[in-house]
């Protein structure tokens, strides 16, 4: 997988500001059709435990 920058340091997949998840899932953020990045969300996020 290519390097994916992630500034959400409270995510357990974040490793040195890069996403280390085995797969990334991005969905709509409470809209039926996204027109910009604010209308999307990362469903891969998992809080550090």
PDB file of N, CA and C in Angstrom:
ATOM      1  N   UNK A   1       0.849  -1.170   0.000  1.00  0.00           N
ATOM      2  CA  UNK A   1       0.000   0.000   0.000  1.00  0.00           C
ATOM      3  C   UNK A   1       0.896   1.235   0.000  1.00  0.00           C
ATOM      4  N   UNK A   2       0.497   2.286  -0.716  1.00  0.00           N
ATOM      5  CA  UNK A   2       1.300   3.517  -0.722  1.00  0.00           C
ATOM      6  C   UNK A   2       1.258   4.203   0.632  1.00  0.00           C
ATOM      7  N   UNK A   3       2.201   5.116   0.864  1.00  0.00           N
ATOM      8  CA  UNK A   3       2.194   5.892   2.108  1.00  0.00           C
ATOM      9  C   UNK A   3       0.952   6.765   2.149  1.00  0.00           C
ATOM     10  N   UNK A   4       0.236   6.721   3.264  1.00  0.00           N
ATOM     11  CA  UNK A   4      -0.954   7.541   3.458  1.00  0.00           C
ATOM     12  C   UNK A   4      -0.717   8.395   4.688  1.00  0.00           C
ATOM     13  N   UNK A   5      -0.647   9.705   4.490  1.00  0.00           N
ATOM     14  CA  UNK A   5      -0.411  10.634   5.587  1.00  0.00           C
ATOM     15  C   UNK A   5      -1.672  10.729   6.442  1.00  0.00           C
ATOM     16  N   UNK A   6      -1.484  10.725   7.761  1.00  0.00           N
ATOM     17  CA  UNK A   6      -2.604  10.844   8.693  1.00  0.00           C
ATOM     18  C   UNK A   6      -2.157  11.649   9.902  1.00  0.00           C
ATOM     19  N   UNK A   7      -2.834  12.738  10.171  1.00  0.00           N
ATOM     20  CA  UNK A   7      -2.479  13.577  11.311  1.00  0.00           C
ATOM     21  C   UNK A   7      -3.321  13.263  12.548  1.00  0.00           C
ATOM     22  N   UNK A   8      -4.159  12.240  12.485  1.00  0.00           N
ATOM     23  CA  UNK A   8      -4.988  11.847  13.626  1.00  0.00           C
ATOM     24  C   UNK A   8      -4.155  10.917  14.513  1.00  0.00           C
ATOM     25  N   UNK A   9      -3.351  11.520  15.363  1.00  0.00           N
ATOM     26  CA  UNK A   9      -2.398  10.750  16.159  1.00  0.00           C
ATOM     27  C   UNK A   9      -3.056   9.892  17.237  1.00  0.00           C
ATOM     28  N   UNK A  10      -4.331  10.134  17.537  1.00  0.00           N
ATOM     29  CA  UNK A  10      -5.022   9.300  18.516  1.00  0.00           C
ATOM     30  C   UNK A  10      -5.584   8.013  17.916  1.00  0.00           C
ATOM     31  N   UNK A  11      -5.325   7.766  16.642  1.00  0.00           N
ATOM     32  CA  UNK A  11      -5.738   6.522  15.980  1.00  0.00           C
ATOM     33  C   UNK A  11      -4.670   5.452  16.194  1.00  0.00           C
ATOM     34  N   UNK A  12      -5.092   4.249  16.514  1.00  0.00           N
ATOM     35  CA  UNK A  12      -4.123   3.173  16.777  1.00  0.00           C
ATOM     36  C   UNK A  12      -3.313   2.795  15.536  1.00  0.00           C
ATOM     37  N   UNK A  13      -3.802   3.097  14.346  1.00  0.00           N
ATOM     38  CA  UNK A  13      -3.067   2.780  13.116  1.00  0.00           C
ATOM     39  C   UNK A  13      -2.037   3.843  12.746  1.00  0.00           C
ATOM     40  N   UNK A  14      -2.042   4.982  13.454  1.00  0.00           N
ATOM     41  CA  UNK A  14      -1.106   6.055  13.133  1.00  0.00           C
ATOM     42  C   UNK A  14       0.290   5.691  13.622  1.00  0.00           C
ATOM     43  N   UNK A  15       1.231   5.735  12.696  1.00  0.00           N
ATOM     44  CA  UNK A  15       2.617   5.454  13.025  1.00  0.00           C
ATOM     45  C   UNK A  15       3.488   6.528  12.387  1.00  0.00           C
ATOM     46  N   UNK A  16       3.965   7.458  13.211  1.00  0.00           N
ATOM     47  CA  UNK A  16       4.813   8.544  12.721  1.00  0.00           C
ATOM     48  C   UNK A  16       4.118   9.347  11.621  1.00  0.00           C
ATOM     49  N   UNK A  17       2.853   9.698  11.852  1.00  0.00           N
ATOM     50  CA  UNK A  17       1.999  10.499  10.963  1.00  0.00           C
ATOM     51  C   UNK A  17       1.729   9.787   9.627  1.00  0.00           C
ATOM     52  N   UNK A  18       1.767   8.466   9.641  1.00  0.00           N
ATOM     53  CA  UNK A  18       1.398   7.667   8.465  1.00  0.00           C
ATOM     54  C   UNK A  18       0.428   6.583   8.914  1.00  0.00           C
ATOM     55  N   UNK A  19      -0.502   6.233   8.035  1.00  0.00           N
ATOM     56  CA  UNK A  19      -1.486   5.210   8.343  1.00  0.00           C
ATOM     57  C   UNK A  19      -0.885   3.830   8.096  1.00  0.00           C
ATOM     58  N   UNK A  20      -0.952   2.984   9.123  1.00  0.00           N
ATOM     59  CA  UNK A  20      -0.419   1.630   9.010  1.00  0.00           C
ATOM     60  C   UNK A  20      -1.505   0.573   8.956  1.00  0.00           C
ATOM     61  N   UNK A  21      -2.760   0.971   8.697  1.00  0.00           N
ATOM     62  CA  UNK A  21      -3.865   0.015   8.631  1.00  0.00           C
ATOM     63  C   UNK A  21      -3.686  -0.901   7.418  1.00  0.00           C
ATOM     64  N   UNK A  22      -4.126  -2.160   7.518  1.00  0.00           N
ATOM     65  CA  UNK A  22      -3.995  -3.080   6.394  1.00  0.00           C
ATOM     66  C   UNK A  22      -4.909  -2.723   5.228  1.00  0.00           C
ATOM     67  N   UNK A  23      -5.952  -1.943   5.494  1.00  0.00           N
ATOM     68  CA  UNK A  23      -6.867  -1.470   4.452  1.00  0.00           C
ATOM     69  C   UNK A  23      -7.489  -0.173   4.935  1.00  0.00           C
ATOM     70  N   UNK A  24      -7.924   0.675   4.027  1.00  0.00           N
ATOM     71  CA  UNK A  24      -8.555   1.947   4.366  1.00  0.00           C
ATOM     72  C   UNK A  24      -9.977   1.930   3.826  1.00  0.00           C
ATOM     73  N   UNK A  25     -10.928   2.338   4.671  1.00  0.00           N
ATOM     74  CA  UNK A  25     -12.317   2.472   4.217  1.00  0.00           C
ATOM     75  C   UNK A  25     -12.770   3.896   4.454  1.00  0.00           C
ATOM     76  N   UNK A  26     -13.213   4.556   3.404  1.00  0.00           N
ATOM     77  CA  UNK A  26     -13.700   5.934   3.474  1.00  0.00           C
ATOM     78  C   UNK A  26     -15.150   5.930   3.008  1.00  0.00           C
ATOM     79  N   UNK A  27     -16.030   6.565   3.782  1.00  0.00           N
ATOM     80  CA  UNK A  27     -17.451   6.625   3.453  1.00  0.00           C
ATOM     81  C   UNK A  27     -17.944   8.064   3.448  1.00  0.00           C
ATOM     82  N   UNK A  28     -19.211   8.223   3.070  1.00  0.00           N
ATOM     83  CA  UNK A  28     -19.851   9.534   3.129  1.00  0.00           C
ATOM     84  C   UNK A  28     -20.034   9.936   4.586  1.00  0.00           C
ATOM     85  N   UNK A  29     -20.013  11.220   4.858  1.00  0.00           N
ATOM     86  CA  UNK A  29     -20.176  11.744   6.210  1.00  0.00           C
ATOM     87  C   UNK A  29     -21.553  12.410   6.325  1.00  0.00           C
ATOM     88  N   UNK A  30     -22.576  11.597   6.530  1.00  0.00           N
ATOM     89  CA  UNK A  30     -23.958  12.073   6.699  1.00  0.00           C
ATOM     90  C   UNK A  30     -24.520  12.803   5.483  1.00  0.00           C
ATOM     91  N   UNK A  31     -24.055  12.452   4.308  1.00  0.00           N
ATOM     92  CA  UNK A  31     -24.611  12.990   3.057  1.00  0.00           C
ATOM     93  C   UNK A  31     -24.761  11.828   2.071  1.00  0.00           C
ATOM     94  N   UNK A  32     -25.741  11.898   1.160  1.00  0.00           N
ATOM     95  CA  UNK A  32     -25.906  10.804   0.192  1.00  0.00           C
ATOM     96  C   UNK A  32     -24.840  10.808  -0.904  1.00  0.00           C
ATOM     97  N   UNK A  33     -24.278  11.996  -1.201  1.00  0.00           N
ATOM     98  CA  UNK A  33     -23.256  12.131  -2.239  1.00  0.00           C
ATOM     99  C   UNK A  33     -22.253  13.195  -1.791  1.00  0.00           C
ATOM    100  N   UNK A  34     -20.967  12.839  -1.794  1.00  0.00           N
ATOM    101  CA  UNK A  34     -19.927  13.773  -1.351  1.00  0.00           C
ATOM    102  C   UNK A  34     -19.438  14.635  -2.499  1.00  0.00           C
ATOM    103  N   UNK A  35     -19.235  15.918  -2.187  1.00  0.00           N
ATOM    104  CA  UNK A  35     -18.707  16.864  -3.166  1.00  0.00           C
ATOM    105  C   UNK A  35     -17.352  17.431  -2.752  1.00  0.00           C
ATOM    106  N   UNK A  36     -16.940  17.166  -1.510  1.00  0.00           N
ATOM    107  CA  UNK A  36     -15.639  17.637  -1.035  1.00  0.00           C
ATOM    108  C   UNK A  36     -15.192  16.753   0.126  1.00  0.00           C
ATOM    109  N   UNK A  37     -13.972  16.927   0.564  1.00  0.00           N
ATOM    110  CA  UNK A  37     -13.408  16.057   1.597  1.00  0.00           C
ATOM    111  C   UNK A  37     -14.120  16.186   2.938  1.00  0.00           C
ATOM    112  N   UNK A  38     -14.708  17.359   3.233  1.00  0.00           N
ATOM    113  CA  UNK A  38     -15.449  17.524   4.483  1.00  0.00           C
ATOM    114  C   UNK A  38     -16.675  16.610   4.551  1.00  0.00           C
ATOM    115  N   UNK A  39     -17.127  16.143   3.416  1.00  0.00           N
ATOM    116  CA  UNK A  39     -18.305  15.290   3.358  1.00  0.00           C
ATOM    117  C   UNK A  39     -17.948  13.804   3.347  1.00  0.00           C
ATOM    118  N   UNK A  40     -16.690  13.504   3.684  1.00  0.00           N
ATOM    119  CA  UNK A  40     -16.244  12.118   3.769  1.00  0.00           C
ATOM    120  C   UNK A  40     -15.673  11.855   5.162  1.00  0.00           C
ATOM    121  N   UNK A  41     -15.515  10.577   5.505  1.00  0.00           N
ATOM    122  CA  UNK A  41     -14.925  10.227   6.792  1.00  0.00           C
ATOM    123  C   UNK A  41     -14.184   8.909   6.673  1.00  0.00           C
ATOM    124  N   UNK A  42     -13.174   8.766   7.502  1.00  0.00           N
ATOM    125  CA  UNK A  42     -12.382   7.547   7.535  1.00  0.00           C
ATOM    126  C   UNK A  42     -13.032   6.571   8.505  1.00  0.00           C
ATOM    127  N   UNK A  43     -13.586   5.482   7.998  1.00  0.00           N
ATOM    128  CA  UNK A  43     -14.205   4.466   8.850  1.00  0.00           C
ATOM    129  C   UNK A  43     -13.178   3.483   9.397  1.00  0.00           C
ATOM    130  N   UNK A  44     -11.934   3.620   9.004  1.00  0.00           N
ATOM    131  CA  UNK A  44     -10.870   2.734   9.482  1.00  0.00           C
ATOM    132  C   UNK A  44     -10.396   3.163  10.870  1.00  0.00           C
ATOM    133  N   UNK A  45     -10.674   4.388  11.267  1.00  0.00           N
ATOM    134  CA  UNK A  45     -10.213   4.929  12.554  1.00  0.00           C
ATOM    135  C   UNK A  45     -10.550   3.994  13.704  1.00  0.00           C
ATOM    136  N   UNK A  46      -9.554   3.784  14.562  1.00  0.00           N
ATOM    137  CA  UNK A  46      -9.727   3.020  15.794  1.00  0.00           C
ATOM    138  C   UNK A  46      -8.932   3.740  16.877  1.00  0.00           C
ATOM    139  N   UNK A  47      -9.621   4.138  17.945  1.00  0.00           N
ATOM    140  CA  UNK A  47      -8.965   4.880  19.016  1.00  0.00           C
ATOM    141  C   UNK A  47      -7.897   4.026  19.691  1.00  0.00           C
ATOM    142  N   UNK A  48      -6.775   4.679  20.041  1.00  0.00           N
ATOM    143  CA  UNK A  48      -5.714   3.978  20.776  1.00  0.00           C
ATOM    144  C   UNK A  48      -6.251   3.543  22.123  1.00  0.00           C
ATOM    145  N   UNK A  49      -5.896   2.333  22.530  1.00  0.00           N
ATOM    146  CA  UNK A  49      -6.430   1.820  23.787  1.00  0.00           C
ATOM    147  C   UNK A  49      -5.496   1.788  24.870  1.00  0.00           C
TER     148      UNK A  49
END
